[in-house]
Amino acid sequence: MTHITPIPCLEDNYAYLLDDGRGALAVVDASEAEPVEEALARTEGRLTAIFATHHHHDHVGGNEMIARRHPGLRVFGYESDRGRIPAQSEFLRDGQSFAWGNVEVRALHIPGHTLGAVAYVVGDAVFTGDTLFLAGCGRLFEGTPAMMFHSLNEVLGSLEPTTRVYCGHEYTVSNLAFAASVEPGNAKVIERLGRARELRAEGKPTVGTLLAEELDTNPFMRCKSPELRRSMNLGADAPDVEVLASLRRAKDTFRPAKT
């Protein structure tokens, strides 16, 4: 079983250190080098790969320095991000599987936040970058609402409900506060918000929760909810993609109440 260690980076980013249990290490989204190197120094094994979910600097800013320090490192990203991910050496296609250590990794193309966004499925975990956040989704910088809907609901949403979700930022409390504002009758949202606030008060990350929780509490994966549709002033006949687009516009300007 792959061991996963979140590495806080920058202001609210996460990189992740993966250990296959047999000496192979990998890093997901090396936003800066030093926190990653510090985590590596505490771990036995050899770094062999970086898995980049997309090209934004706050996810790949440490690639070049880490690659210089670890010769022979394989740097993975989606094929359309060629020239945008520093030190990229591997250019993935949708659905492609590849070996890392003694583990098989599967790449899923999940455009929406960016056009070349890719998720990595490793055992019972999925690394989603800034496409799927816990209880939220990324801004539509390059993609369309239709792309984001497909990526969230038809690609990631089709994974096993027991899949653990590891995303790119610690936005969970704010995302759940938004979810509660647009679906106040959802008791699971309120309960999850309380748990997330407790974890953050203790200085603990919220990542690694089950995809089943996203299906129950993430508004961007609940576009059929009558209450959400009423909150967005949309009727039962409105396309799900229109609901997602309305939710994303509302989230772009949402400011949670101070507590």
Foldseek 3Di string as FASTA:
>chain_A
DKDWDWQQDDPFWTKIWIDPPPAEIEIEQCLAAPSVVVVVVVDGHAYAEYEYQAQDNSRQVHPVVVCVVHPNHAYEFAQVCVVRHPPHDHHDDAQDWDDGDNWIKTWHQQAFCARGGIWIDTPLEIEREQADDQLEHHARPHHALVSSLCRVAVPVVPDPQQRFYHYTGQCNLVSLLLLCVQCVVQVLSVVVNVVSVVCVVVVHGPGGDTSNSCCRGRCSNVLQDCSNCVSLVHDNPDDSSVSNVSSSVCSVPDDGDDD
